[in-house]
Structure formats: structure tokens, C-alpha cells
Amino acid sequence: MTSATSPEALSDYSDVEYVFDAHSTARPSVREYVGGLWDRREFTLALAKSDLRGSNSNTILGELWALVDPMVQAAIYFFIVMIIRGPQGGVDAVQYFMMIIAGVFLFNYTRAALNDGGRSIIKSKNLILNSSFPRALLPLSEVYKGLLEFLPSVGLYAVLCIITQQSLGQGIFLLPLLFVLQSAMNVGLALLVATATVFIRDTVNALNYIMRVLIFVTPVIYPVSQLTPVLRTVLSINPLFALFSSYQAIVLGGVPSAGQVLQSAFWATLLLVVGYRVFVSHERAFALRL
């Protein structure tokens, strides 16, 4: 025996009709779109935590891997640059090692945004094809996952600073601002790369090479003071250069210049705005490309 669904029941379920034009580049208002993301914030956070637990369960070291891996990377870079080439830019061995550790920890936060955030749309193909929600929550959840992976490193670095008796100086008060700017950059980059991977599939294969180049054009493993003025000018085209130069100045006990902070703020704003506009303008066509 079958029963028909009454019009009243249908109207109780939903009285809003959504029409999507895959070829339209029209964007919803920022307030409307961000409101939709905020309404689904619990899902975004739960998705990031679930993904993080799943990735940790696949390794023997589990949650410690997020700390062990950057430490191993830092040790390798320290050996290659410090031991083979000798002291760099007047920075002693302990300072240099702490500089590399801080740089690698912070760079891995951006690496996660680019790698995982960039692949987030393709990875969630089934979810996108069967559900209606603002697609930006997928890259955002990956950026949040990267933040969760980064946070334990703050405690470890503090312990190492105590052990090695390294002081960060007055510049430490700018760290929260710089980290907010980095997070904004990460969101913008994740949105841009996530869009690119849908329309240009080779972007996925290129990401690993991009990250290898990016770590060398960003002052992560070498002091900025070691660069020539010409090379510094060329490398400053990199959106991460001013930000990581500021981080480095603080780690070495100094204070970043106002120009470095303003340049970091400029890139953070630009990447966030452009990333949002590009992603939201093209997200309606994602289902057709997956």
C-alpha cells in the first residue's frame, strides 16, 4: 500500500527552490556566502578533526608524527647548510637550528593549506555530487586541519627555547598578527589552488614540485641577511617572503620592519580577496568537472 506525500508535508520540508547555472560566474553576496559557511561551522570543524584522526591512525607514531617529521626536516636542512657550508650570516649554530625549526613548523602550515586544501574538492567528489552546501568549507576544513597539526609545535618550540636559552625579544608581540595574516594567506591560496585542480588536473601533480621550489624561495632555511639586495628584491615577489622574513627577525631576537609587516598584510588581503572571488565564481561548475 502506498501513500502520497501531501503538499503540506512538502512545504514543511523546504519551501526554498535552488536553481544553479553551471556556466554562470555570478557570485552571491559576501555576507550571504560567509553566513552559509558560519551556519555550517560545526560540520567544517568535525570534518577536519575526523580527517586528522584518520590520517594519524595510519602511522605508527600517530599524533607525534606532526612533530617528528618537521624536526627531521629541520635536522636535514641544518646538516646540509650549517655543517657543510659553515656558519650563515653571523648566526650561531643554536640560533640557526632554532630558526630552521620555527621556519619549517610555520611553512608546513602553509604546505598543508596548499596540498590538502588544493586537493579538497577532488577528494570530496562524492560529497559534492550528492549534497548542497558552500563548497568553500572543504578547503577551509583542510586549513583548519593544518592549524590543528601546527598547534602542538608551539609548545615544543617553547620547550626548546627554554632548553637552549633562546630569547625572542619584543617582536614576540607581533606573532599573533603575523599568524593571522598567514592564516588569511593560507585560506586564499587553498581556494585558488582548489579551483585550479578542478579545471586543470595537472595542478595536482605540479603541487609537489611547487612546494619544493617554494621552500627555497621563502626564507625558511637561510637567513635573510645572507641575501644580496638584488636577490632579496627578486625573492620579495614571493607572497610568503615578507611574512617569513618577519618571522625570522622575531626568532632571531629582533623586530620586523613596518615595511615587512605591511607587505605581509597586503599579500594576505590580496590572496584572500582574489581566492574568494575566483572560487565562488567557479564553484557552480565543479560538479560538471569532477
C-alpha atoms as a PDB file:
ATOM      1  CA  MET A   1       0.000   0.000   0.000  1.00  0.00           C
ATOM      2  CA  THR A   2       1.447   3.384  -0.933  1.00  0.00           C
ATOM      3  CA  SER A   3       0.656   6.803   0.344  1.00  0.00           C
ATOM      4  CA  ALA A   4       1.075  10.109  -1.451  1.00  0.00           C
ATOM      5  CA  THR A   5       3.029  12.893   0.179  1.00  0.00           C
ATOM      6  CA  SER A   6       0.789  15.812   0.956  1.00  0.00           C
ATOM      7  CA  PRO A   7       1.608  19.332  -0.264  1.00  0.00           C
ATOM      8  CA  GLU A   8       1.695  20.422   3.375  1.00  0.00           C
ATOM      9  CA  ALA A   9       4.452  17.894   4.148  1.00  0.00           C
ATOM     10  CA  LEU A  10       6.466  19.044   1.184  1.00  0.00           C
ATOM     11  CA  SER A  11       6.206  22.680   2.179  1.00  0.00           C
ATOM     12  CA  ASP A  12       7.235  21.801   5.745  1.00  0.00           C
ATOM     13  CA  TYR A  13      10.352  20.113   4.404  1.00  0.00           C
ATOM     14  CA  SER A  14      11.518  23.004   2.251  1.00  0.00           C
ATOM     15  CA  ASP A  15       9.843  25.970   0.639  1.00  0.00           C
ATOM     16  CA  VAL A  16      13.071  27.256  -0.953  1.00  0.00           C
ATOM     17  CA  GLU A  17      13.921  26.342  -4.508  1.00  0.00           C
ATOM     18  CA  TYR A  18      17.562  26.486  -5.569  1.00  0.00           C
ATOM     19  CA  VAL A  19      18.486  26.917  -9.233  1.00  0.00           C
ATOM     20  CA  PHE A  20      22.123  26.554 -10.244  1.00  0.00           C
ATOM     21  CA  ASP A  21      23.538  27.649 -13.556  1.00  0.00           C
ATOM     22  CA  ALA A  22      26.852  25.860 -14.016  1.00  0.00           C
ATOM     23  CA  HIS A  23      28.103  28.386 -16.567  1.00  0.00           C
ATOM     24  CA  SER A  24      27.227  31.490 -14.596  1.00  0.00           C
ATOM     25  CA  THR A  25      30.011  33.457 -12.915  1.00  0.00           C
ATOM     26  CA  ALA A  26      27.588  35.448 -10.764  1.00  0.00           C
ATOM     27  CA  ARG A  27      28.550  35.441  -7.105  1.00  0.00           C
ATOM     28  CA  PRO A  28      26.326  35.546  -4.038  1.00  0.00           C
ATOM     29  CA  SER A  29      26.922  38.445  -1.673  1.00  0.00           C
ATOM     30  CA  VAL A  30      29.871  38.023   0.656  1.00  0.00           C
ATOM     31  CA  ARG A  31      27.575  38.346   3.653  1.00  0.00           C
ATOM     32  CA  GLU A  32      25.251  35.630   2.370  1.00  0.00           C
ATOM     33  CA  TYR A  33      28.068  33.248   1.473  1.00  0.00           C
ATOM     34  CA  VAL A  34      30.045  33.740   4.671  1.00  0.00           C
ATOM     35  CA  GLY A  35      26.786  33.359   6.620  1.00  0.00           C
ATOM     36  CA  GLY A  36      26.266  29.984   4.959  1.00  0.00           C
ATOM     37  CA  LEU A  37      29.769  28.924   5.944  1.00  0.00           C
ATOM     38  CA  TRP A  38      29.224  30.105   9.508  1.00  0.00           C
ATOM     39  CA  ASP A  39      25.965  28.173   9.775  1.00  0.00           C
ATOM     40  CA  ARG A  40      27.886  25.019   8.848  1.00  0.00           C
ATOM     41  CA  ARG A  41      30.915  25.712  11.037  1.00  0.00           C
ATOM     42  CA  GLU A  42      30.331  22.656  13.226  1.00  0.00           C
ATOM     43  CA  PHE A  43      30.401  20.420  10.174  1.00  0.00           C
ATOM     44  CA  THR A  44      33.613  22.098   8.970  1.00  0.00           C
ATOM     45  CA  LEU A  45      35.334  21.558  12.319  1.00  0.00           C
ATOM     46  CA  ALA A  46      34.089  17.986  12.624  1.00  0.00           C
ATOM     47  CA  LEU A  47      35.274  17.184   9.100  1.00  0.00           C
ATOM     48  CA  ALA A  48      38.764  18.500   9.857  1.00  0.00           C
ATOM     49  CA  LYS A  49      39.036  16.594  13.141  1.00  0.00           C
ATOM     50  CA  SER A  50      37.748  13.394  11.574  1.00  0.00           C
ATOM     51  CA  ASP A  51      40.240  13.661   8.722  1.00  0.00           C
ATOM     52  CA  LEU A  52      43.050  14.365  11.180  1.00  0.00           C
ATOM     53  CA  ARG A  53      42.201  11.322  13.308  1.00  0.00           C
ATOM     54  CA  GLY A  54      42.043   9.169  10.204  1.00  0.00           C
ATOM     55  CA  SER A  55      45.455  10.296   8.939  1.00  0.00           C
ATOM     56  CA  ASN A  56      47.059   9.817  12.355  1.00  0.00           C
ATOM     57  CA  SER A  57      45.693   6.302  12.738  1.00  0.00           C
ATOM     58  CA  ASN A  58      47.562   5.201   9.602  1.00  0.00           C
ATOM     59  CA  THR A  59      51.018   5.749  11.103  1.00  0.00           C
ATOM     60  CA  ILE A  60      52.860   4.090  13.974  1.00  0.00           C
ATOM     61  CA  LEU A  61      53.831   7.404  15.531  1.00  0.00           C
ATOM     62  CA  GLY A  62      50.268   8.657  15.172  1.00  0.00           C
ATOM     63  CA  GLU A  63      49.779  12.162  16.512  1.00  0.00           C
ATOM     64  CA  LEU A  64      53.507  12.561  17.234  1.00  0.00           C
ATOM     65  CA  TRP A  65      54.266  12.460  13.520  1.00  0.00           C
ATOM     66  CA  ALA A  66      53.205  16.093  13.092  1.00  0.00           C
ATOM     67  CA  LEU A  67      56.094  16.987  15.438  1.00  0.00           C
ATOM     68  CA  VAL A  68      58.647  14.340  14.461  1.00  0.00           C
ATOM     69  CA  ASP A  69      58.511  14.946  10.712  1.00  0.00           C
ATOM     70  CA  PRO A  70      59.281  18.723  10.851  1.00  0.00           C
ATOM     71  CA  MET A  71      62.074  18.060  13.351  1.00  0.00           C
ATOM     72  CA  VAL A  72      63.649  15.545  10.977  1.00  0.00           C
ATOM     73  CA  GLN A  73      63.294  18.020   8.095  1.00  0.00           C
ATOM     74  CA  ALA A  74      64.931  20.756  10.183  1.00  0.00           C
ATOM     75  CA  ALA A  75      67.814  18.446  11.151  1.00  0.00           C
ATOM     76  CA  ILE A  76      68.440  17.584   7.489  1.00  0.00           C
ATOM     77  CA  TYR A  77      68.433  21.230   6.400  1.00  0.00           C
ATOM     78  CA  PHE A  78      70.686  22.136   9.334  1.00  0.00           C
ATOM     79  CA  PHE A  79      73.195  19.451   8.357  1.00  0.00           C
ATOM     80  CA  ILE A  80      73.210  20.403   4.685  1.00  0.00           C
ATOM     81  CA  VAL A  81      73.508  24.160   5.150  1.00  0.00           C
ATOM     82  CA  MET A  82      75.249  24.637   8.523  1.00  0.00           C
ATOM     83  CA  ILE A  83      77.607  21.676   8.723  1.00  0.00           C
ATOM     84  CA  ILE A  84      78.644  21.568   5.066  1.00  0.00           C
ATOM     85  CA  ARG A  85      78.732  25.317   4.317  1.00  0.00           C
ATOM     86  CA  GLY A  86      79.581  26.608   7.780  1.00  0.00           C
ATOM     87  CA  PRO A  87      78.013  29.437   9.890  1.00  0.00           C
ATOM     88  CA  GLN A  88      75.487  31.522   7.991  1.00  0.00           C
ATOM     89  CA  GLY A  89      75.135  35.275   8.110  1.00  0.00           C
ATOM     90  CA  GLY A  90      76.670  35.676  11.571  1.00  0.00           C
ATOM     91  CA  VAL A  91      74.070  33.374  13.156  1.00  0.00           C
ATOM     92  CA  ASP A  92      75.476  30.831  15.611  1.00  0.00           C
ATOM     93  CA  ALA A  93      74.641  27.126  15.350  1.00  0.00           C
ATOM     94  CA  VAL A  94      71.967  27.078  18.063  1.00  0.00           C
ATOM     95  CA  GLN A  95      70.243  30.193  16.736  1.00  0.00           C
ATOM     96  CA  TYR A  96      70.342  28.824  13.223  1.00  0.00           C
ATOM     97  CA  PHE A  97      68.874  25.469  14.254  1.00  0.00           C
ATOM     98  CA  MET A  98      66.055  27.186  16.153  1.00  0.00           C
ATOM     99  CA  MET A  99      65.439  29.439  13.154  1.00  0.00           C
ATOM    100  CA  ILE A 100      65.107  26.424  10.861  1.00  0.00           C
ATOM    101  CA  ILE A 101      62.781  24.595  13.272  1.00  0.00           C
ATOM    102  CA  ALA A 102      60.485  27.631  13.540  1.00  0.00           C
ATOM    103  CA  GLY A 103      60.553  28.152   9.773  1.00  0.00           C
ATOM    104  CA  VAL A 104      59.763  24.516   8.982  1.00  0.00           C
ATOM    105  CA  PHE A 105      56.903  24.368  11.501  1.00  0.00           C
ATOM    106  CA  LEU A 106      55.349  27.542  10.077  1.00  0.00           C
ATOM    107  CA  PHE A 107      55.974  26.579   6.454  1.00  0.00           C
ATOM    108  CA  ASN A 108      54.294  23.209   6.968  1.00  0.00           C
ATOM    109  CA  TYR A 109      51.129  25.049   7.995  1.00  0.00           C
ATOM    110  CA  THR A 110      51.081  26.708   4.575  1.00  0.00           C
ATOM    111  CA  ARG A 111      52.134  23.464   2.896  1.00  0.00           C
ATOM    112  CA  ALA A 112      49.057  21.758   4.353  1.00  0.00           C
ATOM    113  CA  ALA A 113      46.810  24.544   3.047  1.00  0.00           C
ATOM    114  CA  LEU A 114      48.225  24.224  -0.464  1.00  0.00           C
ATOM    115  CA  ASN A 115      48.489  20.438  -0.660  1.00  0.00           C
ATOM    116  CA  ASP A 116      45.415  19.313   1.279  1.00  0.00           C
ATOM    117  CA  GLY A 117      43.307  22.402   0.641  1.00  0.00           C
ATOM    118  CA  GLY A 118      44.158  22.282  -3.047  1.00  0.00           C
ATOM    119  CA  ARG A 119      43.041  18.658  -3.320  1.00  0.00           C
ATOM    120  CA  SER A 120      39.966  19.076  -1.111  1.00  0.00           C
ATOM    121  CA  ILE A 121      37.401  19.452  -3.912  1.00  0.00           C
ATOM    122  CA  ILE A 122      38.614  16.468  -5.913  1.00  0.00           C
ATOM    123  CA  LYS A 123      38.943  14.349  -2.757  1.00  0.00           C
ATOM    124  CA  SER A 124      35.332  15.091  -1.780  1.00  0.00           C
ATOM    125  CA  LYS A 125      33.839  14.345  -5.197  1.00  0.00           C
ATOM    126  CA  ASN A 126      31.030  12.138  -3.861  1.00  0.00           C
ATOM    127  CA  LEU A 127      30.059  14.647  -1.195  1.00  0.00           C
ATOM    128  CA  ILE A 128      29.872  17.455  -3.743  1.00  0.00           C
ATOM    129  CA  LEU A 129      27.777  15.439  -6.193  1.00  0.00           C
ATOM    130  CA  ASN A 130      25.258  14.405  -3.551  1.00  0.00           C
ATOM    131  CA  SER A 131      24.975  17.418  -1.245  1.00  0.00           C
ATOM    132  CA  SER A 132      24.288  21.125  -1.470  1.00  0.00           C
ATOM    133  CA  PHE A 133      26.497  23.390   0.633  1.00  0.00           C
ATOM    134  CA  PRO A 134      29.039  26.203   0.154  1.00  0.00           C
ATOM    135  CA  ARG A 135      31.989  24.356  -1.391  1.00  0.00           C
ATOM    136  CA  ALA A 136      34.481  26.658   0.306  1.00  0.00           C
ATOM    137  CA  LEU A 137      34.002  24.801   3.575  1.00  0.00           C
ATOM    138  CA  LEU A 138      36.091  21.928   2.119  1.00  0.00           C
ATOM    139  CA  PRO A 139      39.313  23.966   1.656  1.00  0.00           C
ATOM    140  CA  LEU A 140      38.550  25.752   4.924  1.00  0.00           C
ATOM    141  CA  SER A 141      38.344  22.443   6.787  1.00  0.00           C
ATOM    142  CA  GLU A 142      41.768  21.483   5.411  1.00  0.00           C
ATOM    143  CA  VAL A 143      43.265  24.801   6.527  1.00  0.00           C
ATOM    144  CA  TYR A 144      41.766  24.214   9.975  1.00  0.00           C
ATOM    145  CA  LYS A 145      43.222  20.698   9.993  1.00  0.00           C
ATOM    146  CA  GLY A 146      46.633  22.219   9.230  1.00  0.00           C
ATOM    147  CA  LEU A 147      46.130  24.579  12.166  1.00  0.00           C
ATOM    148  CA  LEU A 148      45.377  21.643  14.478  1.00  0.00           C
ATOM    149  CA  GLU A 149      48.544  19.914  13.284  1.00  0.00           C
ATOM    150  CA  PHE A 150      50.554  23.084  13.855  1.00  0.00           C
ATOM    151  CA  LEU A 151      49.408  23.921  17.394  1.00  0.00           C
ATOM    152  CA  PRO A 152      51.423  21.197  19.236  1.00  0.00           C
ATOM    153  CA  SER A 153      54.585  22.562  17.628  1.00  0.00           C
ATOM    154  CA  VAL A 154      54.125  25.839  19.541  1.00  0.00           C
ATOM    155  CA  GLY A 155      54.532  24.002  22.846  1.00  0.00           C
ATOM    156  CA  LEU A 156      57.510  22.032  21.560  1.00  0.00           C
ATOM    157  CA  TYR A 157      59.220  25.170  20.295  1.00  0.00           C
ATOM    158  CA  ALA A 158      58.666  26.900  23.650  1.00  0.00           C
ATOM    159  CA  VAL A 159      60.312  23.963  25.420  1.00  0.00           C
ATOM    160  CA  LEU A 160      63.260  24.079  23.009  1.00  0.00           C
ATOM    161  CA  CYS A 161      63.636  27.834  23.590  1.00  0.00           C
ATOM    162  CA  ILE A 162      63.866  27.205  27.341  1.00  0.00           C
ATOM    163  CA  ILE A 163      66.383  24.395  26.892  1.00  0.00           C
ATOM    164  CA  THR A 164      68.594  26.377  24.507  1.00  0.00           C
ATOM    165  CA  GLN A 165      68.033  29.676  26.395  1.00  0.00           C
ATOM    166  CA  GLN A 166      66.917  31.477  23.252  1.00  0.00           C
ATOM    167  CA  SER A 167      65.019  34.760  23.640  1.00  0.00           C
ATOM    168  CA  LEU A 168      62.536  36.044  21.051  1.00  0.00           C
ATOM    169  CA  GLY A 169      62.716  39.680  22.142  1.00  0.00           C
ATOM    170  CA  GLN A 170      59.999  42.344  21.835  1.00  0.00           C
ATOM    171  CA  GLY A 171      59.000  41.155  18.385  1.00  0.00           C
ATOM    172  CA  ILE A 172      57.098  38.310  20.018  1.00  0.00           C
ATOM    173  CA  PHE A 173      54.108  40.649  20.433  1.00  0.00           C
ATOM    174  CA  LEU A 174      53.730  40.768  16.646  1.00  0.00           C
ATOM    175  CA  LEU A 175      53.492  36.986  16.328  1.00  0.00           C
ATOM    176  CA  PRO A 176      49.675  36.818  16.723  1.00  0.00           C
ATOM    177  CA  LEU A 177      49.202  39.423  13.976  1.00  0.00           C
ATOM    178  CA  LEU A 178      51.621  37.654  11.644  1.00  0.00           C
ATOM    179  CA  PHE A 179      49.940  34.311  12.273  1.00  0.00           C
ATOM    180  CA  VAL A 180      46.528  35.788  11.456  1.00  0.00           C
ATOM    181  CA  LEU A 181      47.988  37.157   8.218  1.00  0.00           C
ATOM    182  CA  GLN A 182      49.477  33.754   7.403  1.00  0.00           C
ATOM    183  CA  SER A 183      46.130  32.065   8.061  1.00  0.00           C
ATOM    184  CA  ALA A 184      44.429  34.537   5.708  1.00  0.00           C
ATOM    185  CA  MET A 185      47.051  33.781   3.056  1.00  0.00           C
ATOM    186  CA  ASN A 186      46.521  30.057   3.575  1.00  0.00           C
ATOM    187  CA  VAL A 187      42.778  30.369   3.051  1.00  0.00           C
ATOM    188  CA  GLY A 188      43.243  32.444  -0.103  1.00  0.00           C
ATOM    189  CA  LEU A 189      45.860  30.059  -1.503  1.00  0.00           C
ATOM    190  CA  ALA A 190      43.744  26.997  -0.668  1.00  0.00           C
ATOM    191  CA  LEU A 191      40.743  28.497  -2.506  1.00  0.00           C
ATOM    192  CA  LEU A 192      42.844  29.373  -5.547  1.00  0.00           C
ATOM    193  CA  VAL A 193      44.591  26.011  -5.791  1.00  0.00           C
ATOM    194  CA  ALA A 194      41.378  24.077  -5.100  1.00  0.00           C
ATOM    195  CA  THR A 195      39.769  25.845  -8.068  1.00  0.00           C
ATOM    196  CA  ALA A 196      42.798  25.220 -10.274  1.00  0.00           C
ATOM    197  CA  THR A 197      42.903  21.486  -9.506  1.00  0.00           C
ATOM    198  CA  VAL A 198      39.312  21.071 -10.708  1.00  0.00           C
ATOM    199  CA  PHE A 199      39.812  22.827 -14.040  1.00  0.00           C
ATOM    200  CA  ILE A 200      43.487  21.931 -14.633  1.00  0.00           C
ATOM    201  CA  ARG A 201      44.089  18.393 -13.389  1.00  0.00           C
ATOM    202  CA  ASP A 202      47.852  18.625 -13.860  1.00  0.00           C
ATOM    203  CA  THR A 203      47.859  21.074 -10.949  1.00  0.00           C
ATOM    204  CA  VAL A 204      47.661  18.098  -8.572  1.00  0.00           C
ATOM    205  CA  ASN A 205      50.872  16.633  -9.995  1.00  0.00           C
ATOM    206  CA  ALA A 206      52.563  20.027 -10.025  1.00  0.00           C
ATOM    207  CA  LEU A 207      51.856  20.750  -6.348  1.00  0.00           C
ATOM    208  CA  ASN A 208      54.769  18.673  -5.050  1.00  0.00           C
ATOM    209  CA  TYR A 209      57.197  20.482  -7.330  1.00  0.00           C
ATOM    210  CA  ILE A 210      55.710  23.856  -6.454  1.00  0.00           C
ATOM    211  CA  MET A 211      56.245  23.170  -2.749  1.00  0.00           C
ATOM    212  CA  ARG A 212      59.870  22.164  -3.333  1.00  0.00           C
ATOM    213  CA  VAL A 213      60.545  25.431  -5.126  1.00  0.00           C
ATOM    214  CA  LEU A 214      58.542  27.495  -2.643  1.00  0.00           C
ATOM    215  CA  ILE A 215      60.560  26.387   0.383  1.00  0.00           C
ATOM    216  CA  PHE A 216      63.763  27.628  -1.288  1.00  0.00           C
ATOM    217  CA  VAL A 217      62.388  30.980  -2.442  1.00  0.00           C
ATOM    218  CA  THR A 218      60.979  31.576   1.051  1.00  0.00           C
ATOM    219  CA  PRO A 219      63.418  32.385   3.897  1.00  0.00           C
ATOM    220  CA  VAL A 220      62.849  29.176   5.816  1.00  0.00           C
ATOM    221  CA  ILE A 221      66.297  27.544   5.872  1.00  0.00           C
ATOM    222  CA  TYR A 222      68.569  30.545   5.284  1.00  0.00           C
ATOM    223  CA  PRO A 223      68.947  33.967   6.966  1.00  0.00           C
ATOM    224  CA  VAL A 224      67.584  36.920   5.016  1.00  0.00           C
ATOM    225  CA  SER A 225      70.740  38.829   5.983  1.00  0.00           C
ATOM    226  CA  GLN A 226      72.711  36.432   3.778  1.00  0.00           C
ATOM    227  CA  LEU A 227      70.911  37.552   0.611  1.00  0.00           C
ATOM    228  CA  THR A 228      72.228  40.237  -1.714  1.00  0.00           C
ATOM    229  CA  PRO A 229      69.992  43.299  -2.233  1.00  0.00           C
ATOM    230  CA  VAL A 230      69.221  42.229  -5.800  1.00  0.00           C
ATOM    231  CA  LEU A 231      68.306  38.675  -4.788  1.00  0.00           C
ATOM    232  CA  ARG A 232      66.181  39.973  -1.932  1.00  0.00           C
ATOM    233  CA  THR A 233      64.287  42.233  -4.340  1.00  0.00           C
ATOM    234  CA  VAL A 234      63.650  39.339  -6.729  1.00  0.00           C
ATOM    235  CA  LEU A 235      62.531  36.956  -3.981  1.00  0.00           C
ATOM    236  CA  SER A 236      60.196  39.579  -2.487  1.00  0.00           C
ATOM    237  CA  ILE A 237      57.826  38.828  -5.382  1.00  0.00           C
ATOM    238  CA  ASN A 238      57.002  35.659  -3.453  1.00  0.00           C
ATOM    239  CA  PRO A 239      53.915  36.440  -1.285  1.00  0.00           C
ATOM    240  CA  LEU A 240      55.438  34.478   1.616  1.00  0.00           C
ATOM    241  CA  PHE A 241      58.790  36.258   1.572  1.00  0.00           C
ATOM    242  CA  ALA A 242      57.921  39.298   3.711  1.00  0.00           C
ATOM    243  CA  LEU A 243      55.916  37.175   6.149  1.00  0.00           C
ATOM    244  CA  PHE A 244      58.696  34.666   6.772  1.00  0.00           C
ATOM    245  CA  SER A 245      61.294  37.450   6.881  1.00  0.00           C
ATOM    246  CA  SER A 246      59.213  38.925   9.719  1.00  0.00           C
ATOM    247  CA  TYR A 247      59.026  35.572  11.489  1.00  0.00           C
ATOM    248  CA  GLN A 248      62.769  35.153  11.112  1.00  0.00           C
ATOM    249  CA  ALA A 249      63.509  38.581  12.569  1.00  0.00           C
ATOM    250  CA  ILE A 250      61.453  37.703  15.662  1.00  0.00           C
ATOM    251  CA  VAL A 251      63.018  34.245  16.081  1.00  0.00           C
ATOM    252  CA  LEU A 252      66.494  35.801  15.939  1.00  0.00           C
ATOM    253  CA  GLY A 253      65.557  38.231  18.710  1.00  0.00           C
ATOM    254  CA  GLY A 254      64.741  41.292  16.623  1.00  0.00           C
ATOM    255  CA  VAL A 255      61.665  43.165  15.444  1.00  0.00           C
ATOM    256  CA  PRO A 256      60.412  43.051  11.834  1.00  0.00           C
ATOM    257  CA  SER A 257      60.266  46.322   9.964  1.00  0.00           C
ATOM    258  CA  ALA A 258      56.987  48.125   9.365  1.00  0.00           C
ATOM    259  CA  GLY A 259      57.502  47.583   5.640  1.00  0.00           C
ATOM    260  CA  GLN A 260      57.696  43.811   6.072  1.00  0.00           C
ATOM    261  CA  VAL A 261      54.509  43.726   8.139  1.00  0.00           C
ATOM    262  CA  LEU A 262      52.630  45.983   5.719  1.00  0.00           C
ATOM    263  CA  GLN A 263      53.762  43.908   2.752  1.00  0.00           C
ATOM    264  CA  SER A 264      52.571  40.756   4.532  1.00  0.00           C
ATOM    265  CA  ALA A 265      49.201  42.405   5.182  1.00  0.00           C
ATOM    266  CA  PHE A 266      48.952  43.435   1.517  1.00  0.00           C
ATOM    267  CA  TRP A 267      49.556  39.899   0.262  1.00  0.00           C
ATOM    268  CA  ALA A 268      47.198  38.390   2.834  1.00  0.00           C
ATOM    269  CA  THR A 269      44.384  40.734   1.784  1.00  0.00           C
ATOM    270  CA  LEU A 270      45.029  40.277  -1.930  1.00  0.00           C
ATOM    271  CA  LEU A 271      45.191  36.471  -1.789  1.00  0.00           C
ATOM    272  CA  LEU A 272      42.089  36.228   0.376  1.00  0.00           C
ATOM    273  CA  VAL A 273      40.007  38.526  -1.846  1.00  0.00           C
ATOM    274  CA  VAL A 274      41.191  37.018  -5.143  1.00  0.00           C
ATOM    275  CA  GLY A 275      40.904  33.471  -3.789  1.00  0.00           C
ATOM    276  CA  TYR A 276      37.332  34.069  -2.663  1.00  0.00           C
ATOM    277  CA  ARG A 277      36.244  35.709  -5.914  1.00  0.00           C
ATOM    278  CA  VAL A 278      37.802  33.032  -8.129  1.00  0.00           C
ATOM    279  CA  PHE A 279      36.487  30.129  -6.066  1.00  0.00           C
ATOM    280  CA  VAL A 280      32.927  31.364  -5.622  1.00  0.00           C
ATOM    281  CA  SER A 281      32.683  32.404  -9.286  1.00  0.00           C
ATOM    282  CA  HIS A 282      33.540  28.881 -10.447  1.00  0.00           C
ATOM    283  CA  GLU A 283      32.177  26.566  -7.757  1.00  0.00           C
ATOM    284  CA  ARG A 284      28.877  26.047  -9.586  1.00  0.00           C
ATOM    285  CA  ALA A 285      30.754  24.273 -12.365  1.00  0.00           C
ATOM    286  CA  PHE A 286      32.704  21.950 -10.054  1.00  0.00           C
ATOM    287  CA  ALA A 287      30.163  19.119 -10.306  1.00  0.00           C
ATOM    288  CA  LEU A 288      30.472  19.127 -14.108  1.00  0.00           C
ATOM    289  CA  ARG A 289      34.266  18.869 -13.936  1.00  0.00           C
ATOM    290  CA  LEU A 290      34.589  16.117 -11.341  1.00  0.00           C
END
